N, C-alpha and C. Protein backbone atom coordinates (compact mmCIF):
# COMPACT_ATOMS: atom_id res chain seq x y z
N UNK A 1 -0.27 -10.85 13.57
CA UNK A 1 -0.52 -9.92 12.49
C UNK A 1 -0.49 -8.50 13.06
N UNK A 2 0.27 -7.62 12.42
CA UNK A 2 0.37 -6.26 12.95
C UNK A 2 -0.80 -5.41 12.47
N UNK A 3 -1.27 -4.56 13.35
CA UNK A 3 -2.35 -3.63 13.02
C UNK A 3 -1.77 -2.47 12.24
N UNK A 4 -2.54 -1.95 11.33
CA UNK A 4 -2.13 -0.76 10.58
C UNK A 4 -3.27 0.24 10.68
N UNK A 5 -2.90 1.48 10.96
CA UNK A 5 -3.95 2.48 11.14
C UNK A 5 -4.41 3.04 9.80
N UNK A 6 -5.63 3.50 9.79
CA UNK A 6 -6.18 4.13 8.59
C UNK A 6 -5.77 5.59 8.58
N UNK A 7 -5.63 6.22 7.44
CA UNK A 7 -5.68 5.56 6.14
C UNK A 7 -4.47 4.64 5.96
N UNK A 8 -4.70 3.58 5.20
CA UNK A 8 -3.66 2.59 4.97
C UNK A 8 -2.54 3.11 4.09
N UNK A 9 -2.80 4.21 3.40
CA UNK A 9 -1.90 4.68 2.36
C UNK A 9 -1.42 6.10 2.66
N UNK A 10 -0.16 6.35 2.33
CA UNK A 10 0.40 7.69 2.52
C UNK A 10 1.14 8.12 1.26
N UNK A 11 1.33 9.41 1.15
CA UNK A 11 2.13 9.98 0.09
C UNK A 11 3.14 10.91 0.75
N UNK A 12 4.40 10.59 0.57
CA UNK A 12 5.49 11.36 1.17
C UNK A 12 6.53 11.59 0.09
N UNK A 13 6.86 12.83 -0.19
CA UNK A 13 7.81 13.17 -1.25
C UNK A 13 9.15 12.46 -1.05
N UNK A 14 9.46 12.08 0.18
CA UNK A 14 10.72 11.41 0.48
C UNK A 14 10.66 9.89 0.27
N UNK A 15 9.49 9.37 -0.05
CA UNK A 15 9.32 7.93 -0.30
C UNK A 15 8.77 7.76 -1.71
N UNK A 16 9.57 7.17 -2.57
CA UNK A 16 9.18 6.91 -3.98
C UNK A 16 8.68 8.18 -4.68
N UNK A 17 9.26 9.30 -4.33
CA UNK A 17 8.91 10.55 -5.01
C UNK A 17 7.49 11.02 -4.78
N UNK A 18 6.84 10.52 -3.73
CA UNK A 18 5.48 10.95 -3.42
C UNK A 18 4.39 10.03 -3.94
N UNK A 19 4.77 8.93 -4.62
CA UNK A 19 3.74 7.98 -5.07
C UNK A 19 3.06 7.38 -3.84
N UNK A 20 1.77 7.10 -3.92
CA UNK A 20 1.09 6.47 -2.77
C UNK A 20 1.72 5.11 -2.43
N UNK A 21 2.02 4.94 -1.15
CA UNK A 21 2.60 3.69 -0.65
C UNK A 21 1.76 3.18 0.51
N UNK A 22 1.98 1.92 0.86
CA UNK A 22 1.31 1.35 2.02
C UNK A 22 2.02 1.86 3.26
N UNK A 23 1.25 2.39 4.19
CA UNK A 23 1.81 2.98 5.41
C UNK A 23 2.79 2.00 6.06
N UNK A 24 3.96 2.52 6.44
CA UNK A 24 4.97 1.72 7.13
C UNK A 24 5.85 0.90 6.21
N UNK A 25 5.65 1.06 4.89
CA UNK A 25 6.46 0.31 3.92
C UNK A 25 6.92 1.25 2.82
N UNK A 26 7.69 0.71 1.90
CA UNK A 26 8.06 1.44 0.69
C UNK A 26 7.40 0.78 -0.52
N UNK A 27 6.35 0.00 -0.30
CA UNK A 27 5.63 -0.69 -1.36
C UNK A 27 4.60 0.25 -1.96
N UNK A 28 4.71 0.50 -3.25
CA UNK A 28 3.73 1.38 -3.89
C UNK A 28 2.40 0.66 -4.03
N UNK A 29 1.34 1.42 -3.95
CA UNK A 29 -0.01 0.88 -4.11
C UNK A 29 -0.14 0.31 -5.52
N UNK A 30 0.41 1.01 -6.49
CA UNK A 30 0.33 0.56 -7.88
C UNK A 30 0.99 -0.82 -8.05
N UNK A 31 2.16 -1.03 -7.46
CA UNK A 31 2.83 -2.32 -7.58
C UNK A 31 2.00 -3.43 -6.95
N UNK A 32 1.47 -3.19 -5.76
CA UNK A 32 0.67 -4.21 -5.10
C UNK A 32 -0.60 -4.51 -5.90
N UNK A 33 -1.22 -3.50 -6.47
CA UNK A 33 -2.40 -3.72 -7.31
C UNK A 33 -2.04 -4.58 -8.53
N UNK A 34 -0.90 -4.28 -9.15
CA UNK A 34 -0.47 -5.05 -10.32
C UNK A 34 -0.26 -6.51 -9.97
N UNK A 35 0.36 -6.75 -8.83
CA UNK A 35 0.61 -8.12 -8.38
C UNK A 35 -0.72 -8.84 -8.12
N UNK A 36 -1.64 -8.16 -7.44
CA UNK A 36 -2.91 -8.78 -7.09
C UNK A 36 -3.83 -9.00 -8.30
N UNK A 37 -3.62 -8.25 -9.36
CA UNK A 37 -4.45 -8.43 -10.56
C UNK A 37 -4.03 -9.68 -11.33
N UNK A 38 -2.86 -10.23 -11.01
CA UNK A 38 -2.44 -11.50 -11.58
C UNK A 38 -3.28 -12.59 -10.90
N UNK A 39 -4.16 -13.21 -11.63
CA UNK A 39 -5.13 -14.16 -11.05
C UNK A 39 -4.46 -15.37 -10.39
N UNK A 40 -3.20 -15.63 -10.72
CA UNK A 40 -2.51 -16.78 -10.13
C UNK A 40 -1.92 -16.47 -8.76
N UNK A 41 -1.94 -15.22 -8.35
CA UNK A 41 -1.34 -14.83 -7.08
C UNK A 41 -2.37 -14.89 -5.96
N UNK A 42 -2.04 -15.61 -4.90
CA UNK A 42 -2.91 -15.66 -3.73
C UNK A 42 -2.41 -14.65 -2.71
N UNK A 43 -3.22 -14.42 -1.70
CA UNK A 43 -2.81 -13.52 -0.62
C UNK A 43 -1.57 -14.08 0.07
N UNK A 44 -1.54 -15.39 0.25
CA UNK A 44 -0.37 -16.03 0.87
C UNK A 44 0.88 -15.85 0.02
N UNK A 45 0.74 -15.92 -1.30
CA UNK A 45 1.89 -15.71 -2.18
C UNK A 45 2.45 -14.30 -2.00
N UNK A 46 1.55 -13.33 -1.97
CA UNK A 46 1.99 -11.94 -1.81
C UNK A 46 2.63 -11.74 -0.44
N UNK A 47 2.03 -12.30 0.59
CA UNK A 47 2.57 -12.16 1.95
C UNK A 47 3.96 -12.79 2.04
N UNK A 48 4.16 -13.90 1.34
CA UNK A 48 5.48 -14.55 1.34
C UNK A 48 6.52 -13.67 0.63
N UNK A 49 6.10 -13.05 -0.47
CA UNK A 49 7.02 -12.19 -1.24
C UNK A 49 7.31 -10.88 -0.52
N UNK A 50 6.32 -10.34 0.16
CA UNK A 50 6.43 -9.03 0.81
C UNK A 50 5.95 -9.14 2.25
N UNK A 51 6.76 -9.72 3.14
CA UNK A 51 6.32 -9.96 4.52
C UNK A 51 6.05 -8.69 5.33
N UNK A 52 6.55 -7.55 4.89
CA UNK A 52 6.33 -6.30 5.64
C UNK A 52 4.98 -5.66 5.34
N UNK A 53 4.30 -6.14 4.33
CA UNK A 53 2.99 -5.58 3.98
C UNK A 53 1.93 -6.28 4.82
N UNK A 54 1.16 -5.53 5.59
CA UNK A 54 0.12 -6.15 6.44
C UNK A 54 -0.89 -6.94 5.61
N UNK A 55 -1.20 -8.14 6.06
CA UNK A 55 -2.13 -9.00 5.34
C UNK A 55 -3.51 -8.35 5.21
N UNK A 56 -3.90 -7.56 6.20
CA UNK A 56 -5.19 -6.87 6.12
C UNK A 56 -5.27 -5.91 4.95
N UNK A 57 -4.17 -5.25 4.64
CA UNK A 57 -4.14 -4.33 3.50
C UNK A 57 -4.17 -5.11 2.19
N UNK A 58 -3.45 -6.22 2.15
CA UNK A 58 -3.46 -7.07 0.95
C UNK A 58 -4.90 -7.54 0.68
N UNK A 59 -5.58 -8.04 1.71
CA UNK A 59 -6.96 -8.50 1.57
C UNK A 59 -7.88 -7.37 1.14
N UNK A 60 -7.72 -6.19 1.75
CA UNK A 60 -8.54 -5.03 1.43
C UNK A 60 -8.44 -4.69 -0.06
N UNK A 61 -7.21 -4.60 -0.55
CA UNK A 61 -7.01 -4.24 -1.96
C UNK A 61 -7.54 -5.34 -2.88
N UNK A 62 -7.26 -6.58 -2.55
CA UNK A 62 -7.72 -7.71 -3.39
C UNK A 62 -9.25 -7.73 -3.47
N UNK A 63 -9.92 -7.55 -2.33
CA UNK A 63 -11.39 -7.55 -2.33
C UNK A 63 -11.95 -6.40 -3.16
N UNK A 64 -11.37 -5.22 -3.03
CA UNK A 64 -11.85 -4.07 -3.81
C UNK A 64 -11.69 -4.32 -5.30
N UNK A 65 -10.54 -4.86 -5.69
CA UNK A 65 -10.31 -5.12 -7.11
C UNK A 65 -11.26 -6.18 -7.65
N UNK A 66 -11.52 -7.22 -6.85
CA UNK A 66 -12.41 -8.29 -7.30
C UNK A 66 -13.87 -7.83 -7.37
N UNK A 67 -14.32 -7.05 -6.40
CA UNK A 67 -15.72 -6.62 -6.35
C UNK A 67 -16.00 -5.46 -7.29
N UNK A 68 -15.09 -4.48 -7.32
CA UNK A 68 -15.36 -3.25 -8.04
C UNK A 68 -14.53 -3.07 -9.30
N UNK A 69 -13.46 -3.85 -9.43
CA UNK A 69 -12.60 -3.73 -10.60
C UNK A 69 -11.70 -2.51 -10.56
N UNK A 70 -11.74 -1.79 -9.45
CA UNK A 70 -10.89 -0.60 -9.30
C UNK A 70 -10.64 -0.37 -7.81
N UNK A 71 -9.74 0.54 -7.53
CA UNK A 71 -9.43 0.87 -6.15
C UNK A 71 -9.40 2.39 -6.00
N UNK A 72 -10.30 2.90 -5.18
CA UNK A 72 -10.32 4.31 -4.84
C UNK A 72 -9.83 4.38 -3.40
N UNK A 73 -8.76 5.14 -3.16
CA UNK A 73 -8.15 5.13 -1.84
C UNK A 73 -8.10 6.51 -1.20
N UNK A 74 -8.05 6.51 0.11
CA UNK A 74 -7.82 7.72 0.89
C UNK A 74 -6.33 7.72 1.22
N UNK A 75 -5.65 8.81 0.86
CA UNK A 75 -4.20 8.90 1.05
C UNK A 75 -3.90 10.04 2.00
N UNK A 76 -3.09 9.76 3.01
CA UNK A 76 -2.62 10.82 3.90
C UNK A 76 -1.39 11.45 3.26
N UNK A 77 -1.45 12.74 3.06
CA UNK A 77 -0.33 13.46 2.47
C UNK A 77 0.59 13.93 3.60
N UNK A 78 1.84 13.52 3.55
CA UNK A 78 2.80 13.92 4.57
C UNK A 78 3.49 15.20 4.12
N UNK A 79 3.53 16.20 4.96
CA UNK A 79 4.17 17.45 4.56
C UNK A 79 5.67 17.24 4.38
N UNK A 80 6.27 17.96 3.42
CA UNK A 80 7.72 17.83 3.23
C UNK A 80 8.47 18.34 4.46
N UNK A 81 9.61 17.74 4.71
CA UNK A 81 10.42 18.17 5.84
C UNK A 81 11.03 19.54 5.54
N UNK A 82 11.11 20.35 6.56
CA UNK A 82 11.75 21.66 6.39
C UNK A 82 13.25 21.48 6.62
N UNK A 83 14.02 22.47 6.26
CA UNK A 83 15.47 22.41 6.46
C UNK A 83 15.80 22.16 7.92
N UNK A 84 15.03 22.73 8.83
CA UNK A 84 15.26 22.58 10.25
C UNK A 84 15.09 21.14 10.71
N UNK A 85 14.12 20.41 10.12
CA UNK A 85 13.82 19.03 10.51
C UNK A 85 14.85 18.05 9.95
N UNK A 86 15.49 18.40 8.83
CA UNK A 86 16.46 17.51 8.21
C UNK A 86 17.65 17.42 9.10
């Protein structure tokens, strides 16, 4: 299982227009939340469908949704690239 550093979520204008995504992936937090809110989906089901998403993040989101009914996240905002960096 690969380790993922905190915060688990980033926002980068170059990835999905800046929507919060799981660090190291192009999976939006909103999509993963929607999938996990389907009571028939297990963590293993999600991991099979999206093998690049760290299982620790899947568990974290699932637990928050089950315990609190919502997810409040810390998002690292990535600065836009300058012309020089492109």
